[in-house]
Each structure stands twice: as structure tokens, then as C-alpha cells.
Amino acid sequence: MEEKQYEQLQKLVIKWAEDRNIFEYSNPIKQLTKTQEELDETMDALVKFIDAKNETEKNQAFLEAIDGIGDMLVTIILLGKMINIDTVKALDTAYNVIKDRKGKMINGLFVKES
């Protein structure tokens, strides 16, 4: 499979949505609701992955997690387009905020210093 840059994939996702009239018939709240659905599906896949009894179950759950993460990215790209936020710029902004952040791990989560 040919490797594509995020920016190129973002353009392809937006074109896909335009071809399906998603921007014409949807709105940011509906798109965020779709993101939540995909997040829930990804959570379910990761629970299955952790609880897998064998490699077949683990591999299936892994593929479901890949699909869920990809679907979340699609919905976020479309949401960004709907409200005129470029997701590459949003990611860059977020990275610049966190890159020097200090904190510690508590119960498996990074908690930033106040």
C-alpha cells in the first residue's frame, strides 16, 4: 500500500465527504456525535483486545481498533472542515502546548503539573 502524508489523506477525506454531500446535510454537532460513536466502538475493541482469550480474538480486536481510530480521524477531519479548523494546524498547536509539559503518571494516566 502506498504511504500517504496526513495532509494528502485529509484532502482525500474531505473530497470523499463532499462527494457524499456530508457538508451540505450535516453539522458540527452531528459530526461530533459520530466521533463519539466511533470512540465508543474503539473502546469496545480495546476491551476485547485486552480480554482476548487467544491470538485470533486479539488480532480481530486489533483490526477493529485500527478501524475505530481511523474512523475517529475521519470524523475529526470533517468536523474541522465544518468549523474552518485545519486538523494539521490543530495538531501542531496541541503539540506545541504539550511538548515541554511536565507531569507524572497516576493510575496509568499522565497528569500535568499545575
C-alpha atoms as a PDB file:
ATOM      1  CA  MET A   1       0.000   0.000   0.000  1.00  0.00           C
ATOM      2  CA  GLU A   2       1.291   3.423  -0.951  1.00  0.00           C
ATOM      3  CA  GLU A   3       2.124   5.596   2.046  1.00  0.00           C
ATOM      4  CA  LYS A   4       0.370   8.947   2.004  1.00  0.00           C
ATOM      5  CA  GLN A   5       1.063  12.036   4.041  1.00  0.00           C
ATOM      6  CA  TYR A   6      -1.585  13.125   6.544  1.00  0.00           C
ATOM      7  CA  GLU A   7      -2.240  16.306   4.555  1.00  0.00           C
ATOM      8  CA  GLN A   8      -2.911  14.281   1.392  1.00  0.00           C
ATOM      9  CA  LEU A   9      -5.229  11.917   3.262  1.00  0.00           C
ATOM     10  CA  GLN A  10      -7.023  14.896   4.801  1.00  0.00           C
ATOM     11  CA  LYS A  11      -7.757  16.248   1.308  1.00  0.00           C
ATOM     12  CA  LEU A  12      -8.988  12.816   0.159  1.00  0.00           C
ATOM     13  CA  VAL A  13     -11.291  12.524   3.187  1.00  0.00           C
ATOM     14  CA  ILE A  14     -12.727  15.989   2.552  1.00  0.00           C
ATOM     15  CA  LYS A  15     -13.282  15.178  -1.140  1.00  0.00           C
ATOM     16  CA  TRP A  16     -14.977  11.895  -0.121  1.00  0.00           C
ATOM     17  CA  ALA A  17     -17.319  13.838   2.176  1.00  0.00           C
ATOM     18  CA  GLU A  18     -18.055  16.460  -0.484  1.00  0.00           C
ATOM     19  CA  ASP A  19     -18.947  13.704  -2.970  1.00  0.00           C
ATOM     20  CA  ARG A  20     -21.459  12.354  -0.433  1.00  0.00           C
ATOM     21  CA  ASN A  21     -22.967  15.753   0.485  1.00  0.00           C
ATOM     22  CA  ILE A  22     -21.919  15.368   4.113  1.00  0.00           C
ATOM     23  CA  PHE A  23     -21.099  19.056   4.499  1.00  0.00           C
ATOM     24  CA  GLU A  24     -24.398  20.046   2.919  1.00  0.00           C
ATOM     25  CA  TYR A  25     -26.602  17.829   5.098  1.00  0.00           C
ATOM     26  CA  SER A  26     -24.703  17.551   8.374  1.00  0.00           C
ATOM     27  CA  ASN A  27     -23.489  19.958  11.029  1.00  0.00           C
ATOM     28  CA  PRO A  28     -20.723  20.117  13.647  1.00  0.00           C
ATOM     29  CA  ILE A  29     -22.843  18.653  16.467  1.00  0.00           C
ATOM     30  CA  LYS A  30     -23.918  15.683  14.335  1.00  0.00           C
ATOM     31  CA  GLN A  31     -20.304  15.180  13.297  1.00  0.00           C
ATOM     32  CA  LEU A  32     -19.131  15.254  16.911  1.00  0.00           C
ATOM     33  CA  THR A  33     -21.862  12.731  17.752  1.00  0.00           C
ATOM     34  CA  LYS A  34     -20.421  10.491  15.036  1.00  0.00           C
ATOM     35  CA  THR A  35     -16.966  10.940  16.586  1.00  0.00           C
ATOM     36  CA  GLN A  36     -18.386   9.810  19.947  1.00  0.00           C
ATOM     37  CA  GLU A  37     -19.910   6.707  18.297  1.00  0.00           C
ATOM     38  CA  GLU A  38     -16.521   5.844  16.793  1.00  0.00           C
ATOM     39  CA  LEU A  39     -14.807   6.471  20.147  1.00  0.00           C
ATOM     40  CA  ASP A  40     -17.229   4.071  21.847  1.00  0.00           C
ATOM     41  CA  GLU A  41     -16.594   1.423  19.171  1.00  0.00           C
ATOM     42  CA  THR A  42     -12.843   1.863  19.624  1.00  0.00           C
ATOM     43  CA  MET A  43     -13.218   1.490  23.392  1.00  0.00           C
ATOM     44  CA  ASP A  44     -15.160  -1.745  22.863  1.00  0.00           C
ATOM     45  CA  ALA A  45     -12.444  -3.036  20.530  1.00  0.00           C
ATOM     46  CA  LEU A  46      -9.708  -2.265  23.044  1.00  0.00           C
ATOM     47  CA  VAL A  47     -11.616  -4.002  25.841  1.00  0.00           C
ATOM     48  CA  LYS A  48     -11.926  -7.061  23.563  1.00  0.00           C
ATOM     49  CA  PHE A  49      -8.189  -6.793  22.805  1.00  0.00           C
ATOM     50  CA  ILE A  50      -7.274  -6.746  26.491  1.00  0.00           C
ATOM     51  CA  ASP A  51      -9.703  -9.567  27.318  1.00  0.00           C
ATOM     52  CA  ALA A  52      -8.842 -11.739  24.290  1.00  0.00           C
ATOM     53  CA  LYS A  53      -8.522 -15.433  25.107  1.00  0.00           C
ATOM     54  CA  ASN A  54      -6.410 -16.289  22.066  1.00  0.00           C
ATOM     55  CA  GLU A  55      -4.428 -14.760  19.205  1.00  0.00           C
ATOM     56  CA  THR A  56      -7.371 -14.919  16.792  1.00  0.00           C
ATOM     57  CA  GLU A  57      -9.557 -12.850  19.127  1.00  0.00           C
ATOM     58  CA  LYS A  58      -6.663 -10.483  19.831  1.00  0.00           C
ATOM     59  CA  ASN A  59      -5.954  -9.971  16.114  1.00  0.00           C
ATOM     60  CA  GLN A  60      -9.646  -9.336  15.338  1.00  0.00           C
ATOM     61  CA  ALA A  61      -9.906  -6.801  18.150  1.00  0.00           C
ATOM     62  CA  PHE A  62      -6.672  -5.158  16.970  1.00  0.00           C
ATOM     63  CA  LEU A  63      -8.126  -4.719  13.476  1.00  0.00           C
ATOM     64  CA  GLU A  64     -11.315  -3.266  14.982  1.00  0.00           C
ATOM     65  CA  ALA A  65      -9.207  -0.789  16.968  1.00  0.00           C
ATOM     66  CA  ILE A  66      -7.344   0.282  13.819  1.00  0.00           C
ATOM     67  CA  ASP A  67     -10.682   0.803  12.070  1.00  0.00           C
ATOM     68  CA  GLY A  68     -12.051   2.775  15.026  1.00  0.00           C
ATOM     69  CA  ILE A  69      -9.057   5.069  15.273  1.00  0.00           C
ATOM     70  CA  GLY A  70      -9.179   5.683  11.526  1.00  0.00           C
ATOM     71  CA  ASP A  71     -12.906   6.411  11.681  1.00  0.00           C
ATOM     72  CA  MET A  72     -12.345   8.866  14.532  1.00  0.00           C
ATOM     73  CA  LEU A  73      -9.707  10.655  12.483  1.00  0.00           C
ATOM     74  CA  VAL A  74     -12.124  10.901   9.546  1.00  0.00           C
ATOM     75  CA  THR A  75     -14.858  12.386  11.730  1.00  0.00           C
ATOM     76  CA  ILE A  76     -12.425  14.863  13.309  1.00  0.00           C
ATOM     77  CA  ILE A  77     -11.168  15.959   9.874  1.00  0.00           C
ATOM     78  CA  LEU A  78     -14.761  16.543   8.747  1.00  0.00           C
ATOM     79  CA  LEU A  79     -15.624  18.388  11.958  1.00  0.00           C
ATOM     80  CA  GLY A  80     -12.577  20.598  11.486  1.00  0.00           C
ATOM     81  CA  LYS A  81     -13.596  21.394   7.920  1.00  0.00           C
ATOM     82  CA  MET A  82     -17.125  22.268   9.074  1.00  0.00           C
ATOM     83  CA  ILE A  83     -15.829  24.866  11.524  1.00  0.00           C
ATOM     84  CA  ASN A  84     -12.837  26.042   9.446  1.00  0.00           C
ATOM     85  CA  ILE A  85     -10.126  24.429  11.551  1.00  0.00           C
ATOM     86  CA  ASP A  86      -7.328  22.636   9.724  1.00  0.00           C
ATOM     87  CA  THR A  87      -6.615  19.495  11.749  1.00  0.00           C
ATOM     88  CA  VAL A  88      -2.918  19.583  10.851  1.00  0.00           C
ATOM     89  CA  LYS A  89      -2.692  23.071  12.350  1.00  0.00           C
ATOM     90  CA  ALA A  90      -4.762  21.960  15.351  1.00  0.00           C
ATOM     91  CA  LEU A  91      -2.402  19.041  15.964  1.00  0.00           C
ATOM     92  CA  ASP A  92       0.613  21.304  15.607  1.00  0.00           C
ATOM     93  CA  THR A  93      -0.904  23.767  18.085  1.00  0.00           C
ATOM     94  CA  ALA A  94      -1.658  20.998  20.577  1.00  0.00           C
ATOM     95  CA  TYR A  95       1.847  19.562  20.240  1.00  0.00           C
ATOM     96  CA  ASN A  96       3.423  22.962  20.849  1.00  0.00           C
ATOM     97  CA  VAL A  97       1.362  23.279  24.038  1.00  0.00           C
ATOM     98  CA  ILE A  98       2.322  19.835  25.381  1.00  0.00           C
ATOM     99  CA  LYS A  99       5.886  19.381  24.122  1.00  0.00           C
ATOM    100  CA  ASP A 100       7.530  20.861  27.216  1.00  0.00           C
ATOM    101  CA  ARG A 101       4.785  19.879  29.659  1.00  0.00           C
ATOM    102  CA  LYS A 102       5.903  18.200  32.846  1.00  0.00           C
ATOM    103  CA  GLY A 103       3.865  15.882  34.986  1.00  0.00           C
ATOM    104  CA  LYS A 104       3.661  12.340  36.261  1.00  0.00           C
ATOM    105  CA  MET A 105       1.864   9.091  35.670  1.00  0.00           C
ATOM    106  CA  ILE A 106      -1.022   8.411  38.058  1.00  0.00           C
ATOM    107  CA  ASN A 107      -3.054   5.224  37.653  1.00  0.00           C
ATOM    108  CA  GLY A 108      -1.872   4.834  34.063  1.00  0.00           C
ATOM    109  CA  LEU A 109      -2.657   8.425  33.027  1.00  0.00           C
ATOM    110  CA  PHE A 110      -0.303  11.357  32.518  1.00  0.00           C
ATOM    111  CA  VAL A 111      -1.294  14.193  34.850  1.00  0.00           C
ATOM    112  CA  LYS A 112       0.297  17.568  34.055  1.00  0.00           C
ATOM    113  CA  GLU A 113       1.868  19.711  36.740  1.00  0.00           C
ATOM    114  CA  SER A 114      -0.231  22.705  37.778  1.00  0.00           C
END
